[in-house]
């Protein structure tokens, strides 16, 4: 399992700084099984309530209808592009089955005149991103390497860059331990 590297071909791990979380600017992501779920799902209100209680700034919430078995989806890509720049319309998702390329393209910096990146994503549950645990774990670790949050409401915390276990795992992986 390769990790995504976004800086000069090497890993740059985030500092374990929970102080940054108080002012985090986030993009919400909601996955629904079908169109009718929007009327019965509590994901929007759960995300909004959590963000408000944690003093997090919620820019927008991206909605997608999907089973969630595949992580490389248009809605997740759009949400990640909004993390790259909250001002610009997200570019089109590349047609690829290579996760590393897809993830790198999703978080490439925006080249607009005044890019305004967000600090990460917020979801109700990690299974909203992927129903396959290994895909969700890899995504969370890759967001950690990219120094981006993945706040999970049901866990009541960031599982990526503020998670000491994720940082320790990446350090061991880098050092071959």
C-alpha atoms as a PDB file:
ATOM      1  CA  UNK A   1       0.000   0.000   0.000  1.00  0.00           C
ATOM      2  CA  UNK A   2       1.692   3.203  -1.178  1.00  0.00           C
ATOM      3  CA  UNK A   3       1.039   6.503   0.510  1.00  0.00           C
ATOM      4  CA  UNK A   4       0.361   9.670  -1.431  1.00  0.00           C
ATOM      5  CA  UNK A   5       3.208  12.143  -1.365  1.00  0.00           C
ATOM      6  CA  UNK A   6       2.405  15.691  -2.335  1.00  0.00           C
ATOM      7  CA  UNK A   7       5.704  17.478  -1.715  1.00  0.00           C
ATOM      8  CA  UNK A   8       8.916  16.824  -3.670  1.00  0.00           C
ATOM      9  CA  UNK A   9       8.393  13.076  -3.767  1.00  0.00           C
ATOM     10  CA  UNK A  10       8.746  12.702   0.017  1.00  0.00           C
ATOM     11  CA  UNK A  11       6.485  12.591   3.014  1.00  0.00           C
ATOM     12  CA  UNK A  12       5.885  15.672   5.091  1.00  0.00           C
ATOM     13  CA  UNK A  13       3.985  14.806   8.227  1.00  0.00           C
ATOM     14  CA  UNK A  14       1.833  17.337  10.024  1.00  0.00           C
ATOM     15  CA  UNK A  15       2.623  18.422  13.527  1.00  0.00           C
ATOM     16  CA  UNK A  16       0.224  17.069  16.107  1.00  0.00           C
ATOM     17  CA  UNK A  17      -1.548  20.371  16.648  1.00  0.00           C
ATOM     18  CA  UNK A  18      -5.059  20.221  18.001  1.00  0.00           C
ATOM     19  CA  UNK A  19      -4.997  24.007  18.439  1.00  0.00           C
ATOM     20  CA  UNK A  20      -5.448  24.447  14.684  1.00  0.00           C
ATOM     21  CA  UNK A  21      -8.774  22.628  14.862  1.00  0.00           C
ATOM     22  CA  UNK A  22     -10.598  25.543  16.490  1.00  0.00           C
ATOM     23  CA  UNK A  23     -10.448  27.699  13.385  1.00  0.00           C
ATOM     24  CA  UNK A  24     -10.651  24.961  10.737  1.00  0.00           C
ATOM     25  CA  UNK A  25     -12.570  25.775   7.578  1.00  0.00           C
ATOM     26  CA  UNK A  26     -14.247  22.627   6.303  1.00  0.00           C
ATOM     27  CA  UNK A  27     -16.257  21.155   3.439  1.00  0.00           C
ATOM     28  CA  UNK A  28     -19.025  18.770   4.427  1.00  0.00           C
ATOM     29  CA  UNK A  29     -19.722  15.595   2.500  1.00  0.00           C
ATOM     30  CA  UNK A  30     -22.999  13.670   2.630  1.00  0.00           C
ATOM     31  CA  UNK A  31     -23.625  10.372   0.824  1.00  0.00           C
ATOM     32  CA  UNK A  32     -27.199   9.207   0.408  1.00  0.00           C
ATOM     33  CA  UNK A  33     -28.398   5.809  -0.800  1.00  0.00           C
ATOM     34  CA  UNK A  34     -31.231   7.325  -2.868  1.00  0.00           C
ATOM     35  CA  UNK A  35     -32.912  10.686  -3.506  1.00  0.00           C
ATOM     36  CA  UNK A  36     -35.566  10.152  -0.840  1.00  0.00           C
ATOM     37  CA  UNK A  37     -32.918   9.826   1.879  1.00  0.00           C
ATOM     38  CA  UNK A  38     -32.407  13.586   1.854  1.00  0.00           C
ATOM     39  CA  UNK A  39     -35.713  13.915   3.707  1.00  0.00           C
ATOM     40  CA  UNK A  40     -34.900  11.330   6.381  1.00  0.00           C
ATOM     41  CA  UNK A  41     -31.129  11.651   6.771  1.00  0.00           C
ATOM     42  CA  UNK A  42     -29.754  13.539   9.769  1.00  0.00           C
ATOM     43  CA  UNK A  43     -26.299  13.899   8.215  1.00  0.00           C
ATOM     44  CA  UNK A  44     -26.693  17.602   7.325  1.00  0.00           C
ATOM     45  CA  UNK A  45     -27.918  18.636  10.755  1.00  0.00           C
ATOM     46  CA  UNK A  46     -25.373  16.400  12.530  1.00  0.00           C
ATOM     47  CA  UNK A  47     -22.525  17.986  10.555  1.00  0.00           C
ATOM     48  CA  UNK A  48     -23.836  21.517  11.101  1.00  0.00           C
ATOM     49  CA  UNK A  49     -24.381  20.960  14.835  1.00  0.00           C
ATOM     50  CA  UNK A  50     -20.947  19.385  15.341  1.00  0.00           C
ATOM     51  CA  UNK A  51     -19.225  22.180  13.401  1.00  0.00           C
ATOM     52  CA  UNK A  52     -21.029  24.817  15.418  1.00  0.00           C
ATOM     53  CA  UNK A  53     -20.239  23.193  18.785  1.00  0.00           C
ATOM     54  CA  UNK A  54     -16.564  22.728  17.851  1.00  0.00           C
ATOM     55  CA  UNK A  55     -16.258  26.293  16.493  1.00  0.00           C
ATOM     56  CA  UNK A  56     -15.471  24.974  12.995  1.00  0.00           C
ATOM     57  CA  UNK A  57     -16.361  26.968   9.898  1.00  0.00           C
ATOM     58  CA  UNK A  58     -18.468  24.999   7.427  1.00  0.00           C
ATOM     59  CA  UNK A  59     -18.184  26.415   3.891  1.00  0.00           C
ATOM     60  CA  UNK A  60     -20.611  24.085   2.151  1.00  0.00           C
ATOM     61  CA  UNK A  61     -21.902  20.524   2.062  1.00  0.00           C
ATOM     62  CA  UNK A  62     -21.517  18.365  -1.025  1.00  0.00           C
ATOM     63  CA  UNK A  63     -24.334  15.821  -1.526  1.00  0.00           C
ATOM     64  CA  UNK A  64     -24.050  12.627  -3.533  1.00  0.00           C
ATOM     65  CA  UNK A  65     -26.292   9.644  -4.166  1.00  0.00           C
ATOM     66  CA  UNK A  66     -24.214   6.466  -4.165  1.00  0.00           C
ATOM     67  CA  UNK A  67     -23.823   3.050  -2.572  1.00  0.00           C
ATOM     68  CA  UNK A  68     -20.374   4.060  -1.321  1.00  0.00           C
ATOM     69  CA  UNK A  69     -18.594   0.877  -2.339  1.00  0.00           C
ATOM     70  CA  UNK A  70     -16.116   2.783  -4.523  1.00  0.00           C
ATOM     71  CA  UNK A  71     -14.184   5.710  -3.007  1.00  0.00           C
ATOM     72  CA  UNK A  72     -13.277   7.345  -6.322  1.00  0.00           C
ATOM     73  CA  UNK A  73     -16.619   9.043  -6.912  1.00  0.00           C
ATOM     74  CA  UNK A  74     -17.558  12.367  -8.477  1.00  0.00           C
ATOM     75  CA  UNK A  75     -19.025  13.749  -5.225  1.00  0.00           C
ATOM     76  CA  UNK A  76     -15.935  12.941  -3.150  1.00  0.00           C
ATOM     77  CA  UNK A  77     -13.726  14.409  -5.897  1.00  0.00           C
ATOM     78  CA  UNK A  78     -15.847  17.579  -5.959  1.00  0.00           C
ATOM     79  CA  UNK A  79     -15.609  17.907  -2.179  1.00  0.00           C
ATOM     80  CA  UNK A  80     -11.817  17.494  -2.336  1.00  0.00           C
ATOM     81  CA  UNK A  81     -11.564  20.107  -5.105  1.00  0.00           C
ATOM     82  CA  UNK A  82     -13.529  22.455  -2.832  1.00  0.00           C
ATOM     83  CA  UNK A  83     -10.913  21.731  -0.162  1.00  0.00           C
ATOM     84  CA  UNK A  84      -8.293  22.841  -2.722  1.00  0.00           C
ATOM     85  CA  UNK A  85     -10.200  26.088  -3.419  1.00  0.00           C
ATOM     86  CA  UNK A  86     -13.507  27.256  -1.980  1.00  0.00           C
ATOM     87  CA  UNK A  87     -13.815  30.037  -4.577  1.00  0.00           C
ATOM     88  CA  UNK A  88     -13.617  28.150  -7.880  1.00  0.00           C
ATOM     89  CA  UNK A  89     -15.937  25.703  -9.568  1.00  0.00           C
ATOM     90  CA  UNK A  90     -14.428  22.215  -9.091  1.00  0.00           C
ATOM     91  CA  UNK A  91     -12.755  20.814 -12.197  1.00  0.00           C
ATOM     92  CA  UNK A  92     -13.964  17.599 -13.773  1.00  0.00           C
ATOM     93  CA  UNK A  93     -12.915  14.321 -12.200  1.00  0.00           C
ATOM     94  CA  UNK A  94     -10.322  12.421 -14.265  1.00  0.00           C
ATOM     95  CA  UNK A  95     -11.401   9.107 -15.723  1.00  0.00           C
ATOM     96  CA  UNK A  96      -9.038   6.733 -13.984  1.00  0.00           C
ATOM     97  CA  UNK A  97      -9.012   3.646 -11.836  1.00  0.00           C
ATOM     98  CA  UNK A  98      -5.710   4.617 -10.208  1.00  0.00           C
ATOM     99  CA  UNK A  99      -6.402   5.917  -6.712  1.00  0.00           C
ATOM    100  CA  UNK A 100      -3.024   7.684  -6.276  1.00  0.00           C
ATOM    101  CA  UNK A 101      -3.546   9.745  -9.436  1.00  0.00           C
ATOM    102  CA  UNK A 102      -7.193  10.491  -8.552  1.00  0.00           C
ATOM    103  CA  UNK A 103      -6.304  11.670  -5.026  1.00  0.00           C
ATOM    104  CA  UNK A 104      -3.357  13.785  -6.199  1.00  0.00           C
ATOM    105  CA  UNK A 105      -5.499  15.434  -8.882  1.00  0.00           C
ATOM    106  CA  UNK A 106      -8.252  16.119  -6.364  1.00  0.00           C
ATOM    107  CA  UNK A 107      -5.952  18.007  -3.995  1.00  0.00           C
ATOM    108  CA  UNK A 108      -3.791  19.815  -6.558  1.00  0.00           C
ATOM    109  CA  UNK A 109      -3.561  23.504  -5.698  1.00  0.00           C
ATOM    110  CA  UNK A 110      -5.923  25.832  -7.531  1.00  0.00           C
ATOM    111  CA  UNK A 111      -4.303  28.243  -9.982  1.00  0.00           C
ATOM    112  CA  UNK A 112      -6.882  30.988  -9.703  1.00  0.00           C
ATOM    113  CA  UNK A 113      -5.782  34.520  -8.771  1.00  0.00           C
ATOM    114  CA  UNK A 114      -6.782  34.221  -5.117  1.00  0.00           C
ATOM    115  CA  UNK A 115      -7.088  30.550  -4.103  1.00  0.00           C
ATOM    116  CA  UNK A 116      -8.830  29.978  -0.791  1.00  0.00           C
ATOM    117  CA  UNK A 117      -8.273  26.397   0.344  1.00  0.00           C
ATOM    118  CA  UNK A 118     -10.285  24.766   3.095  1.00  0.00           C
ATOM    119  CA  UNK A 119      -8.653  22.809   5.903  1.00  0.00           C
ATOM    120  CA  UNK A 120     -10.368  19.506   5.206  1.00  0.00           C
ATOM    121  CA  UNK A 121     -13.587  17.514   5.167  1.00  0.00           C
ATOM    122  CA  UNK A 122     -16.273  16.739   7.691  1.00  0.00           C
ATOM    123  CA  UNK A 123     -18.510  13.658   7.431  1.00  0.00           C
ATOM    124  CA  UNK A 124     -21.086  12.068   9.716  1.00  0.00           C
ATOM    125  CA  UNK A 125     -19.404   8.624   9.700  1.00  0.00           C
ATOM    126  CA  UNK A 126     -16.236   7.325   8.042  1.00  0.00           C
ATOM    127  CA  UNK A 127     -18.360   4.772   6.136  1.00  0.00           C
ATOM    128  CA  UNK A 128     -19.955   7.713   4.303  1.00  0.00           C
ATOM    129  CA  UNK A 129     -16.685   8.072   2.373  1.00  0.00           C
ATOM    130  CA  UNK A 130     -16.347   4.356   1.716  1.00  0.00           C
ATOM    131  CA  UNK A 131     -18.128   1.267   2.934  1.00  0.00           C
ATOM    132  CA  UNK A 132     -14.821  -0.591   2.510  1.00  0.00           C
ATOM    133  CA  UNK A 133     -12.806  -0.025   5.726  1.00  0.00           C
ATOM    134  CA  UNK A 134      -9.381  -0.279   4.048  1.00  0.00           C
ATOM    135  CA  UNK A 135     -10.325   2.429   1.527  1.00  0.00           C
ATOM    136  CA  UNK A 136     -11.552   4.740   4.299  1.00  0.00           C
ATOM    137  CA  UNK A 137      -8.382   4.151   6.318  1.00  0.00           C
ATOM    138  CA  UNK A 138      -6.119   4.820   3.355  1.00  0.00           C
ATOM    139  CA  UNK A 139      -8.039   7.981   2.463  1.00  0.00           C
ATOM    140  CA  UNK A 140      -7.733   9.215   6.055  1.00  0.00           C
ATOM    141  CA  UNK A 141      -3.976   8.543   6.117  1.00  0.00           C
ATOM    142  CA  UNK A 142      -3.512  10.249   2.741  1.00  0.00           C
ATOM    143  CA  UNK A 143      -5.401  13.294   4.059  1.00  0.00           C
ATOM    144  CA  UNK A 144      -3.027  13.245   7.053  1.00  0.00           C
ATOM    145  CA  UNK A 145      -0.023  13.319   4.720  1.00  0.00           C
ATOM    146  CA  UNK A 146      -1.671  16.224   2.852  1.00  0.00           C
ATOM    147  CA  UNK A 147      -2.136  18.027   6.215  1.00  0.00           C
ATOM    148  CA  UNK A 148      -5.920  18.073   5.809  1.00  0.00           C
ATOM    149  CA  UNK A 149      -8.585  17.262   8.386  1.00  0.00           C
ATOM    150  CA  UNK A 150     -11.133  14.461   8.145  1.00  0.00           C
ATOM    151  CA  UNK A 151     -13.550  15.254  10.955  1.00  0.00           C
ATOM    152  CA  UNK A 152     -15.976  12.436  11.709  1.00  0.00           C
ATOM    153  CA  UNK A 153     -19.025  13.511  13.702  1.00  0.00           C
ATOM    154  CA  UNK A 154     -19.735  10.078  15.200  1.00  0.00           C
ATOM    155  CA  UNK A 155     -16.109   9.861  16.410  1.00  0.00           C
ATOM    156  CA  UNK A 156     -16.233  13.475  17.675  1.00  0.00           C
ATOM    157  CA  UNK A 157     -12.751  14.229  16.308  1.00  0.00           C
ATOM    158  CA  UNK A 158     -10.408  14.495  13.342  1.00  0.00           C
ATOM    159  CA  UNK A 159      -9.168  11.056  12.280  1.00  0.00           C
ATOM    160  CA  UNK A 160      -6.348  12.293  10.048  1.00  0.00           C
ATOM    161  CA  UNK A 161      -3.898  15.096  10.853  1.00  0.00           C
ATOM    162  CA  UNK A 162      -4.976  15.561  14.514  1.00  0.00           C
ATOM    163  CA  UNK A 163      -4.894  11.835  15.234  1.00  0.00           C
ATOM    164  CA  UNK A 164      -1.691  10.776  17.052  1.00  0.00           C
ATOM    165  CA  UNK A 165      -2.181   7.130  15.993  1.00  0.00           C
ATOM    166  CA  UNK A 166      -2.319   8.104  12.314  1.00  0.00           C
ATOM    167  CA  UNK A 167       0.829  10.195  12.637  1.00  0.00           C
ATOM    168  CA  UNK A 168       2.667   7.404  14.479  1.00  0.00           C
ATOM    169  CA  UNK A 169       1.592   4.865  11.848  1.00  0.00           C
ATOM    170  CA  UNK A 170       2.914   7.067   9.062  1.00  0.00           C
ATOM    171  CA  UNK A 171       6.192   7.657  10.882  1.00  0.00           C
ATOM    172  CA  UNK A 172       6.694   3.899  11.319  1.00  0.00           C
ATOM    173  CA  UNK A 173       5.781   3.330   7.670  1.00  0.00           C
ATOM    174  CA  UNK A 174       8.306   5.954   6.527  1.00  0.00           C
ATOM    175  CA  UNK A 175      11.072   4.625   8.745  1.00  0.00           C
ATOM    176  CA  UNK A 176      10.387   1.050   7.704  1.00  0.00           C
ATOM    177  CA  UNK A 177       9.365  -0.047  11.198  1.00  0.00           C
END
